[in-house]
Amino acid sequence: MTERKPPGVTFESWIEKQIRTAQDRGDFDDLPGAGKPLPGAGAPLDDQWWVKEHIRREGVSGDALLPTPLQLRKEVERLPETVRDLTTERAVRDVAADLNRRIVEYLRAPTGPQVAVGPVHVDDVVARWRADRPEPQRSPASAPNEPAPRKTPWWQRFRR
């Protein structure tokens, strides 16, 4: 713990003396980041620098800061990309139904700016999902005129 400031000594001279003593002891040697430039030094300060730094540090998307109607609208716009990698129609319908549920919840009790957002048509989303999917590879079918090879009954396999 640091010692108390003696009476009659100004704070500035007392603090300068403590810093000088710590430097003489080597307390400031080999600190992490020593000799490296300060991040953002020389760059103009933005009014919202602390928000941007918090978002970058926490790894949060900037969309999380948007009001609810704008978040929903962005989700509606990104819905085709969201469902593109899903494998079943049921999964696509579930994602669209969940989005519609959240849109209806917002429409029942709107908050924030008045932005027009409406439910998505699930059948349209499924139709676009089907159109964007690559055609499945089909195995070549046998010619329709060729008879199928006849299987030998199991009891005749051992006769010879």
N, C-alpha and C. Protein backbone atom coordinates (compact mmCIF):
# COMPACT_ATOMS: atom_id res chain seq x y z
N MET A 1 0.85 -1.17 0.00
CA MET A 1 0.00 0.00 0.00
C MET A 1 0.89 1.24 0.00
N THR A 2 0.43 2.28 -0.65
CA THR A 2 1.24 3.49 -0.73
C THR A 2 1.18 4.24 0.59
N GLU A 3 2.18 5.00 0.81
CA GLU A 3 2.22 5.82 2.02
C GLU A 3 1.32 7.03 1.85
N ARG A 4 0.98 7.64 2.98
CA ARG A 4 0.13 8.83 2.95
C ARG A 4 0.95 10.04 2.52
N LYS A 5 0.26 10.97 1.90
CA LYS A 5 0.91 12.22 1.49
C LYS A 5 1.23 13.01 2.76
N PRO A 6 2.49 13.39 2.86
CA PRO A 6 2.84 14.20 4.03
C PRO A 6 2.19 15.59 3.97
N PRO A 7 1.87 16.15 5.10
CA PRO A 7 1.26 17.48 5.08
C PRO A 7 2.26 18.53 4.58
N GLY A 8 1.75 19.49 3.86
CA GLY A 8 2.58 20.58 3.35
C GLY A 8 3.23 20.28 2.02
N VAL A 9 3.05 19.08 1.46
CA VAL A 9 3.62 18.71 0.16
C VAL A 9 2.48 18.71 -0.85
N THR A 10 2.70 19.30 -2.01
CA THR A 10 1.65 19.32 -3.02
C THR A 10 1.48 17.90 -3.60
N PHE A 11 0.29 17.64 -4.08
CA PHE A 11 0.01 16.33 -4.66
C PHE A 11 0.91 16.06 -5.86
N GLU A 12 1.13 17.08 -6.69
CA GLU A 12 1.93 16.89 -7.90
C GLU A 12 3.36 16.47 -7.56
N SER A 13 4.00 17.16 -6.64
CA SER A 13 5.38 16.80 -6.29
C SER A 13 5.45 15.46 -5.57
N TRP A 14 4.45 15.15 -4.75
CA TRP A 14 4.44 13.87 -4.04
C TRP A 14 4.28 12.70 -5.02
N ILE A 15 3.37 12.84 -6.01
CA ILE A 15 3.16 11.79 -7.02
C ILE A 15 4.39 11.64 -7.90
N GLU A 16 4.98 12.78 -8.30
CA GLU A 16 6.19 12.72 -9.12
C GLU A 16 7.31 11.99 -8.39
N LYS A 17 7.42 12.19 -7.09
CA LYS A 17 8.45 11.52 -6.29
C LYS A 17 8.20 10.01 -6.26
N GLN A 18 6.94 9.59 -6.12
CA GLN A 18 6.62 8.16 -6.11
C GLN A 18 6.93 7.52 -7.46
N ILE A 19 6.62 8.21 -8.54
CA ILE A 19 6.90 7.67 -9.88
C ILE A 19 8.41 7.54 -10.08
N ARG A 20 9.16 8.55 -9.69
CA ARG A 20 10.62 8.52 -9.83
C ARG A 20 11.22 7.37 -9.02
N THR A 21 10.72 7.16 -7.81
CA THR A 21 11.21 6.07 -6.96
C THR A 21 10.91 4.71 -7.61
N ALA A 22 9.69 4.55 -8.17
CA ALA A 22 9.33 3.29 -8.83
C ALA A 22 10.19 3.05 -10.06
N GLN A 23 10.52 4.10 -10.80
CA GLN A 23 11.39 3.95 -11.96
C GLN A 23 12.79 3.52 -11.53
N ASP A 24 13.27 4.08 -10.45
CA ASP A 24 14.60 3.71 -9.96
C ASP A 24 14.64 2.25 -9.51
N ARG A 25 13.54 1.77 -8.95
CA ARG A 25 13.47 0.36 -8.53
C ARG A 25 13.31 -0.57 -9.74
N GLY A 26 12.87 -0.06 -10.89
CA GLY A 26 12.68 -0.89 -12.08
C GLY A 26 11.28 -1.47 -12.18
N ASP A 27 10.31 -0.87 -11.48
CA ASP A 27 8.94 -1.39 -11.51
C ASP A 27 8.28 -1.25 -12.89
N PHE A 28 8.76 -0.33 -13.70
CA PHE A 28 8.15 -0.11 -15.01
C PHE A 28 8.90 -0.81 -16.14
N ASP A 29 9.94 -1.57 -15.80
CA ASP A 29 10.70 -2.29 -16.83
C ASP A 29 9.95 -3.54 -17.25
N ASP A 30 10.04 -3.90 -18.49
CA ASP A 30 9.48 -5.14 -19.05
C ASP A 30 7.96 -5.26 -18.84
N LEU A 31 7.26 -4.18 -18.95
CA LEU A 31 5.79 -4.24 -18.90
C LEU A 31 5.27 -4.75 -20.24
N PRO A 32 4.12 -5.44 -20.25
CA PRO A 32 3.58 -5.90 -21.53
C PRO A 32 3.23 -4.71 -22.42
N GLY A 33 3.62 -4.80 -23.68
CA GLY A 33 3.33 -3.73 -24.63
C GLY A 33 4.37 -2.63 -24.63
N ALA A 34 5.45 -2.82 -23.89
CA ALA A 34 6.47 -1.77 -23.83
C ALA A 34 7.10 -1.60 -25.21
N GLY A 35 7.24 -0.37 -25.64
CA GLY A 35 7.86 -0.07 -26.91
C GLY A 35 6.93 -0.16 -28.10
N LYS A 36 5.68 -0.56 -27.87
CA LYS A 36 4.71 -0.66 -28.97
C LYS A 36 3.88 0.62 -29.00
N PRO A 37 3.42 1.03 -30.18
CA PRO A 37 2.59 2.24 -30.25
C PRO A 37 1.21 1.98 -29.64
N LEU A 38 0.61 3.02 -29.14
CA LEU A 38 -0.73 2.92 -28.58
C LEU A 38 -1.72 2.68 -29.72
N PRO A 39 -2.68 1.75 -29.53
CA PRO A 39 -3.65 1.51 -30.61
C PRO A 39 -4.52 2.74 -30.84
N GLY A 40 -4.64 3.12 -32.09
CA GLY A 40 -5.48 4.25 -32.47
C GLY A 40 -4.81 5.60 -32.26
N ALA A 41 -3.52 5.61 -31.93
CA ALA A 41 -2.84 6.88 -31.73
C ALA A 41 -2.73 7.61 -33.06
N GLY A 42 -3.07 8.87 -33.06
CA GLY A 42 -3.00 9.67 -34.27
C GLY A 42 -4.26 9.64 -35.11
N ALA A 43 -5.18 8.73 -34.82
CA ALA A 43 -6.44 8.65 -35.57
C ALA A 43 -7.43 9.65 -34.98
N PRO A 44 -8.30 10.22 -35.79
CA PRO A 44 -9.29 11.16 -35.25
C PRO A 44 -10.27 10.42 -34.34
N LEU A 45 -10.68 11.06 -33.26
CA LEU A 45 -11.61 10.45 -32.32
C LEU A 45 -13.03 10.53 -32.85
N ASP A 46 -13.72 9.41 -32.80
CA ASP A 46 -15.11 9.34 -33.19
C ASP A 46 -15.96 9.56 -31.94
N ASP A 47 -17.13 10.15 -32.09
CA ASP A 47 -18.00 10.39 -30.94
C ASP A 47 -18.43 9.09 -30.27
N GLN A 48 -18.60 8.04 -31.05
CA GLN A 48 -19.07 6.75 -30.53
C GLN A 48 -17.94 5.73 -30.45
N TRP A 49 -16.72 6.16 -30.20
CA TRP A 49 -15.57 5.25 -30.20
C TRP A 49 -15.72 4.17 -29.16
N TRP A 50 -16.28 4.48 -28.03
CA TRP A 50 -16.39 3.50 -26.95
C TRP A 50 -17.38 2.40 -27.29
N VAL A 51 -18.46 2.75 -28.03
CA VAL A 51 -19.43 1.73 -28.45
C VAL A 51 -18.78 0.80 -29.47
N LYS A 52 -18.08 1.38 -30.43
CA LYS A 52 -17.42 0.56 -31.45
C LYS A 52 -16.36 -0.33 -30.84
N GLU A 53 -15.61 0.19 -29.89
CA GLU A 53 -14.59 -0.62 -29.23
C GLU A 53 -15.22 -1.76 -28.43
N HIS A 54 -16.32 -1.50 -27.75
CA HIS A 54 -17.01 -2.55 -26.99
C HIS A 54 -17.55 -3.64 -27.92
N ILE A 55 -18.13 -3.24 -29.04
CA ILE A 55 -18.65 -4.21 -30.00
C ILE A 55 -17.51 -5.07 -30.55
N ARG A 56 -16.39 -4.44 -30.89
CA ARG A 56 -15.25 -5.19 -31.42
C ARG A 56 -14.68 -6.13 -30.37
N ARG A 57 -14.52 -5.64 -29.14
CA ARG A 57 -13.92 -6.44 -28.08
C ARG A 57 -14.81 -7.64 -27.70
N GLU A 58 -16.12 -7.43 -27.64
CA GLU A 58 -17.04 -8.48 -27.23
C GLU A 58 -17.44 -9.41 -28.38
N GLY A 59 -17.11 -9.03 -29.61
CA GLY A 59 -17.45 -9.87 -30.75
C GLY A 59 -18.94 -9.89 -31.05
N VAL A 60 -19.63 -8.81 -30.72
CA VAL A 60 -21.07 -8.71 -30.93
C VAL A 60 -21.31 -8.06 -32.29
N SER A 61 -22.36 -8.48 -32.95
CA SER A 61 -22.75 -7.86 -34.22
C SER A 61 -23.38 -6.51 -33.95
N GLY A 62 -23.16 -5.56 -34.83
CA GLY A 62 -23.77 -4.25 -34.68
C GLY A 62 -25.28 -4.30 -34.82
N ASP A 63 -25.80 -5.36 -35.43
CA ASP A 63 -27.25 -5.51 -35.58
C ASP A 63 -27.95 -5.67 -34.24
N ALA A 64 -27.23 -6.13 -33.23
CA ALA A 64 -27.83 -6.33 -31.91
C ALA A 64 -28.24 -5.00 -31.29
N LEU A 65 -27.67 -3.89 -31.76
CA LEU A 65 -27.99 -2.59 -31.21
C LEU A 65 -29.17 -1.92 -31.91
N LEU A 66 -29.64 -2.53 -33.00
CA LEU A 66 -30.75 -1.94 -33.75
C LEU A 66 -32.07 -2.13 -33.00
N PRO A 67 -33.04 -1.24 -33.25
CA PRO A 67 -34.38 -1.46 -32.68
C PRO A 67 -35.03 -2.70 -33.29
N THR A 68 -35.99 -3.25 -32.57
CA THR A 68 -36.63 -4.51 -32.97
C THR A 68 -37.16 -4.51 -34.40
N PRO A 69 -37.89 -3.48 -34.86
CA PRO A 69 -38.41 -3.57 -36.23
C PRO A 69 -37.31 -3.61 -37.28
N LEU A 70 -36.21 -2.91 -37.04
CA LEU A 70 -35.12 -2.95 -38.01
C LEU A 70 -34.41 -4.30 -37.99
N GLN A 71 -34.28 -4.90 -36.81
CA GLN A 71 -33.70 -6.24 -36.73
C GLN A 71 -34.56 -7.24 -37.51
N LEU A 72 -35.87 -7.16 -37.31
CA LEU A 72 -36.78 -8.09 -38.02
C LEU A 72 -36.71 -7.87 -39.52
N ARG A 73 -36.65 -6.62 -39.93
CA ARG A 73 -36.60 -6.34 -41.37
C ARG A 73 -35.32 -6.90 -41.99
N LYS A 74 -34.20 -6.77 -41.29
CA LYS A 74 -32.94 -7.33 -41.78
C LYS A 74 -33.03 -8.85 -41.86
N GLU A 75 -33.68 -9.48 -40.87
CA GLU A 75 -33.84 -10.93 -40.91
C GLU A 75 -34.69 -11.37 -42.09
N VAL A 76 -35.72 -10.61 -42.41
CA VAL A 76 -36.56 -10.93 -43.58
C VAL A 76 -35.72 -10.85 -44.84
N GLU A 77 -34.86 -9.83 -44.94
CA GLU A 77 -34.03 -9.68 -46.13
C GLU A 77 -33.00 -10.81 -46.24
N ARG A 78 -32.50 -11.28 -45.12
CA ARG A 78 -31.47 -12.34 -45.12
C ARG A 78 -32.04 -13.75 -45.09
N LEU A 79 -33.36 -13.88 -45.05
CA LEU A 79 -33.97 -15.20 -44.92
C LEU A 79 -33.54 -16.19 -46.02
N PRO A 80 -33.47 -15.79 -47.30
CA PRO A 80 -33.02 -16.77 -48.31
C PRO A 80 -31.61 -17.30 -48.04
N GLU A 81 -30.70 -16.44 -47.56
CA GLU A 81 -29.35 -16.90 -47.24
C GLU A 81 -29.35 -17.77 -45.98
N THR A 82 -30.25 -17.46 -45.05
CA THR A 82 -30.32 -18.22 -43.81
C THR A 82 -30.77 -19.65 -44.07
N VAL A 83 -31.74 -19.83 -44.95
CA VAL A 83 -32.30 -21.17 -45.17
C VAL A 83 -31.58 -21.93 -46.28
N ARG A 84 -30.66 -21.29 -46.97
CA ARG A 84 -30.01 -21.91 -48.13
C ARG A 84 -29.33 -23.24 -47.78
N ASP A 85 -28.67 -23.32 -46.63
CA ASP A 85 -27.91 -24.52 -46.28
C ASP A 85 -28.72 -25.55 -45.51
N LEU A 86 -30.00 -25.29 -45.25
CA LEU A 86 -30.83 -26.27 -44.54
C LEU A 86 -31.12 -27.44 -45.47
N THR A 87 -31.28 -28.62 -44.88
CA THR A 87 -31.39 -29.83 -45.69
C THR A 87 -32.82 -30.30 -45.93
N THR A 88 -33.75 -29.89 -45.07
CA THR A 88 -35.12 -30.38 -45.23
C THR A 88 -36.10 -29.22 -45.34
N GLU A 89 -37.21 -29.50 -45.99
CA GLU A 89 -38.26 -28.50 -46.12
C GLU A 89 -38.85 -28.17 -44.75
N ARG A 90 -38.93 -29.15 -43.88
CA ARG A 90 -39.47 -28.93 -42.53
C ARG A 90 -38.62 -27.90 -41.78
N ALA A 91 -37.30 -27.99 -41.91
CA ALA A 91 -36.42 -27.04 -41.23
C ALA A 91 -36.62 -25.62 -41.79
N VAL A 92 -36.81 -25.51 -43.11
CA VAL A 92 -37.03 -24.21 -43.73
C VAL A 92 -38.34 -23.62 -43.22
N ARG A 93 -39.38 -24.45 -43.17
CA ARG A 93 -40.67 -23.97 -42.68
C ARG A 93 -40.59 -23.56 -41.21
N ASP A 94 -39.82 -24.28 -40.40
CA ASP A 94 -39.67 -23.94 -38.98
C ASP A 94 -38.98 -22.58 -38.81
N VAL A 95 -37.93 -22.33 -39.59
CA VAL A 95 -37.22 -21.05 -39.50
C VAL A 95 -38.15 -19.91 -39.90
N ALA A 96 -38.87 -20.08 -40.99
CA ALA A 96 -39.79 -19.04 -41.44
C ALA A 96 -40.93 -18.83 -40.44
N ALA A 97 -41.43 -19.92 -39.84
CA ALA A 97 -42.51 -19.80 -38.86
C ALA A 97 -42.02 -19.08 -37.60
N ASP A 98 -40.79 -19.35 -37.19
CA ASP A 98 -40.24 -18.66 -36.01
C ASP A 98 -40.11 -17.16 -36.28
N LEU A 99 -39.64 -16.81 -37.46
CA LEU A 99 -39.53 -15.40 -37.83
C LEU A 99 -40.91 -14.75 -37.86
N ASN A 100 -41.89 -15.43 -38.42
CA ASN A 100 -43.25 -14.89 -38.45
C ASN A 100 -43.81 -14.70 -37.04
N ARG A 101 -43.50 -15.64 -36.14
CA ARG A 101 -43.97 -15.53 -34.76
C ARG A 101 -43.41 -14.27 -34.10
N ARG A 102 -42.11 -14.01 -34.31
CA ARG A 102 -41.50 -12.83 -33.72
C ARG A 102 -42.03 -11.54 -34.35
N ILE A 103 -42.33 -11.57 -35.65
CA ILE A 103 -42.91 -10.40 -36.32
C ILE A 103 -44.29 -10.11 -35.76
N VAL A 104 -45.10 -11.15 -35.56
CA VAL A 104 -46.45 -10.96 -35.02
C VAL A 104 -46.38 -10.43 -33.59
N GLU A 105 -45.43 -10.93 -32.79
CA GLU A 105 -45.26 -10.41 -31.43
C GLU A 105 -44.95 -8.92 -31.46
N TYR A 106 -44.09 -8.50 -32.38
CA TYR A 106 -43.76 -7.08 -32.49
C TYR A 106 -44.99 -6.29 -32.93
N LEU A 107 -45.74 -6.80 -33.91
CA LEU A 107 -46.89 -6.06 -34.42
C LEU A 107 -47.99 -5.91 -33.36
N ARG A 108 -48.07 -6.85 -32.43
CA ARG A 108 -49.08 -6.75 -31.37
C ARG A 108 -48.74 -5.65 -30.37
N ALA A 109 -47.46 -5.43 -30.12
CA ALA A 109 -47.03 -4.39 -29.17
C ALA A 109 -45.81 -3.69 -29.77
N PRO A 110 -46.00 -2.81 -30.76
CA PRO A 110 -44.85 -2.18 -31.42
C PRO A 110 -44.10 -1.24 -30.48
N THR A 111 -42.78 -1.30 -30.58
CA THR A 111 -41.92 -0.39 -29.84
C THR A 111 -40.88 0.14 -30.80
N GLY A 112 -40.30 1.27 -30.46
CA GLY A 112 -39.27 1.83 -31.31
C GLY A 112 -39.84 2.55 -32.51
N PRO A 113 -39.01 2.79 -33.51
CA PRO A 113 -39.48 3.54 -34.68
C PRO A 113 -40.52 2.73 -35.46
N GLN A 114 -41.41 3.44 -36.11
CA GLN A 114 -42.46 2.80 -36.89
C GLN A 114 -41.89 2.43 -38.26
N VAL A 115 -41.54 1.17 -38.41
CA VAL A 115 -40.98 0.65 -39.65
C VAL A 115 -41.92 -0.44 -40.14
N ALA A 116 -42.27 -0.38 -41.41
CA ALA A 116 -43.19 -1.36 -41.98
C ALA A 116 -42.49 -2.71 -42.08
N VAL A 117 -43.03 -3.68 -41.38
CA VAL A 117 -42.52 -5.05 -41.45
C VAL A 117 -43.73 -5.97 -41.34
N GLY A 118 -43.79 -6.95 -42.22
CA GLY A 118 -44.91 -7.87 -42.22
C GLY A 118 -44.43 -9.31 -42.27
N PRO A 119 -45.30 -10.24 -41.95
CA PRO A 119 -44.91 -11.66 -41.98
C PRO A 119 -44.49 -12.10 -43.38
N VAL A 120 -43.65 -13.10 -43.43
CA VAL A 120 -43.20 -13.64 -44.71
C VAL A 120 -44.15 -14.76 -45.14
N HIS A 121 -44.23 -14.99 -46.43
CA HIS A 121 -45.04 -16.08 -46.96
C HIS A 121 -44.17 -17.34 -46.97
N VAL A 122 -44.52 -18.29 -46.13
CA VAL A 122 -43.70 -19.48 -45.94
C VAL A 122 -43.58 -20.27 -47.24
N ASP A 123 -44.68 -20.38 -47.99
CA ASP A 123 -44.64 -21.15 -49.24
C ASP A 123 -43.69 -20.51 -50.25
N ASP A 124 -43.63 -19.18 -50.29
CA ASP A 124 -42.70 -18.49 -51.19
C ASP A 124 -41.25 -18.77 -50.78
N VAL A 125 -41.00 -18.78 -49.47
CA VAL A 125 -39.65 -19.06 -48.98
C VAL A 125 -39.24 -20.49 -49.36
N VAL A 126 -40.16 -21.45 -49.19
CA VAL A 126 -39.87 -22.84 -49.54
C VAL A 126 -39.64 -22.98 -51.04
N ALA A 127 -40.46 -22.29 -51.85
CA ALA A 127 -40.30 -22.38 -53.31
C ALA A 127 -38.94 -21.82 -53.73
N ARG A 128 -38.53 -20.71 -53.13
CA ARG A 128 -37.22 -20.15 -53.48
C ARG A 128 -36.10 -21.06 -53.00
N TRP A 129 -36.28 -21.67 -51.82
CA TRP A 129 -35.28 -22.60 -51.29
C TRP A 129 -35.12 -23.79 -52.25
N ARG A 130 -36.24 -24.31 -52.77
CA ARG A 130 -36.17 -25.42 -53.72
C ARG A 130 -35.47 -25.00 -55.01
N ALA A 131 -35.78 -23.79 -55.47
CA ALA A 131 -35.18 -23.31 -56.72
C ALA A 131 -33.68 -23.09 -56.58
N ASP A 132 -33.23 -22.68 -55.40
CA ASP A 132 -31.81 -22.41 -55.19
C ASP A 132 -30.99 -23.68 -54.93
N ARG A 133 -31.65 -24.77 -54.62
CA ARG A 133 -30.93 -26.01 -54.32
C ARG A 133 -30.44 -26.67 -55.59
N PRO A 134 -29.25 -27.28 -55.55
CA PRO A 134 -28.79 -28.02 -56.73
C PRO A 134 -29.61 -29.30 -56.88
N GLU A 135 -29.76 -29.71 -58.11
CA GLU A 135 -30.49 -30.95 -58.37
C GLU A 135 -29.73 -32.14 -57.79
N PRO A 136 -30.42 -33.06 -57.14
CA PRO A 136 -29.71 -34.23 -56.59
C PRO A 136 -29.21 -35.13 -57.71
N GLN A 137 -28.07 -35.74 -57.50
CA GLN A 137 -27.48 -36.65 -58.49
C GLN A 137 -28.28 -37.95 -58.50
N ARG A 138 -28.79 -38.31 -59.66
CA ARG A 138 -29.57 -39.55 -59.78
C ARG A 138 -28.69 -40.62 -60.42
N SER A 139 -28.85 -41.82 -59.93
CA SER A 139 -28.09 -42.92 -60.51
C SER A 139 -28.73 -43.30 -61.84
N PRO A 140 -27.93 -43.70 -62.79
CA PRO A 140 -28.51 -44.06 -64.10
C PRO A 140 -29.42 -45.27 -63.96
N ALA A 141 -30.64 -45.14 -64.43
CA ALA A 141 -31.61 -46.23 -64.36
C ALA A 141 -31.34 -47.22 -65.48
N SER A 142 -31.70 -48.46 -65.23
CA SER A 142 -31.51 -49.47 -66.28
C SER A 142 -32.52 -49.21 -67.39
N ALA A 143 -32.17 -49.66 -68.57
CA ALA A 143 -33.04 -49.45 -69.72
C ALA A 143 -34.37 -50.15 -69.48
N PRO A 144 -35.49 -49.54 -69.88
CA PRO A 144 -36.80 -50.13 -69.60
C PRO A 144 -37.06 -51.42 -70.37
N ASN A 145 -36.38 -51.67 -71.48
CA ASN A 145 -36.64 -52.87 -72.28
C ASN A 145 -35.88 -54.09 -71.76
N GLU A 146 -34.86 -53.88 -70.96
CA GLU A 146 -34.08 -55.01 -70.48
C GLU A 146 -34.79 -55.66 -69.30
N PRO A 147 -34.91 -56.97 -69.34
CA PRO A 147 -35.54 -57.64 -68.19
C PRO A 147 -34.58 -57.61 -67.00
N ALA A 148 -35.15 -57.55 -65.82
CA ALA A 148 -34.33 -57.54 -64.61
C ALA A 148 -33.72 -58.93 -64.43
N PRO A 149 -32.50 -59.03 -63.93
CA PRO A 149 -31.90 -60.35 -63.73
C PRO A 149 -32.72 -61.15 -62.73
N ARG A 150 -32.88 -62.44 -63.06
CA ARG A 150 -33.72 -63.29 -62.25
C ARG A 150 -32.91 -63.85 -61.09
N LYS A 151 -33.49 -63.74 -59.89
CA LYS A 151 -32.81 -64.27 -58.71
C LYS A 151 -33.04 -65.75 -58.59
N THR A 152 -32.00 -66.43 -58.18
CA THR A 152 -32.12 -67.86 -57.96
C THR A 152 -32.62 -68.10 -56.54
N PRO A 153 -33.64 -68.95 -56.37
CA PRO A 153 -34.11 -69.24 -55.01
C PRO A 153 -32.98 -69.85 -54.18
N TRP A 154 -33.02 -69.66 -52.90
CA TRP A 154 -31.92 -70.06 -52.02
C TRP A 154 -31.68 -71.56 -52.02
N TRP A 155 -32.76 -72.37 -52.19
CA TRP A 155 -32.58 -73.82 -52.13
C TRP A 155 -31.92 -74.38 -53.38
N GLN A 156 -31.98 -73.60 -54.49
CA GLN A 156 -31.35 -74.07 -55.71
C GLN A 156 -29.88 -73.66 -55.81
N ARG A 157 -29.46 -72.82 -54.94
CA ARG A 157 -28.07 -72.39 -54.97
C ARG A 157 -27.11 -73.51 -54.56
N PHE A 158 -27.59 -74.43 -53.76
CA PHE A 158 -26.74 -75.51 -53.24
C PHE A 158 -26.83 -76.77 -54.10
N ARG A 159 -27.68 -76.78 -55.10
CA ARG A 159 -27.79 -77.97 -55.98
C ARG A 159 -26.75 -77.87 -57.07
N ARG A 160 -26.05 -78.90 -57.29
CA ARG A 160 -25.09 -78.96 -58.38
C ARG A 160 -24.67 -80.33 -58.62
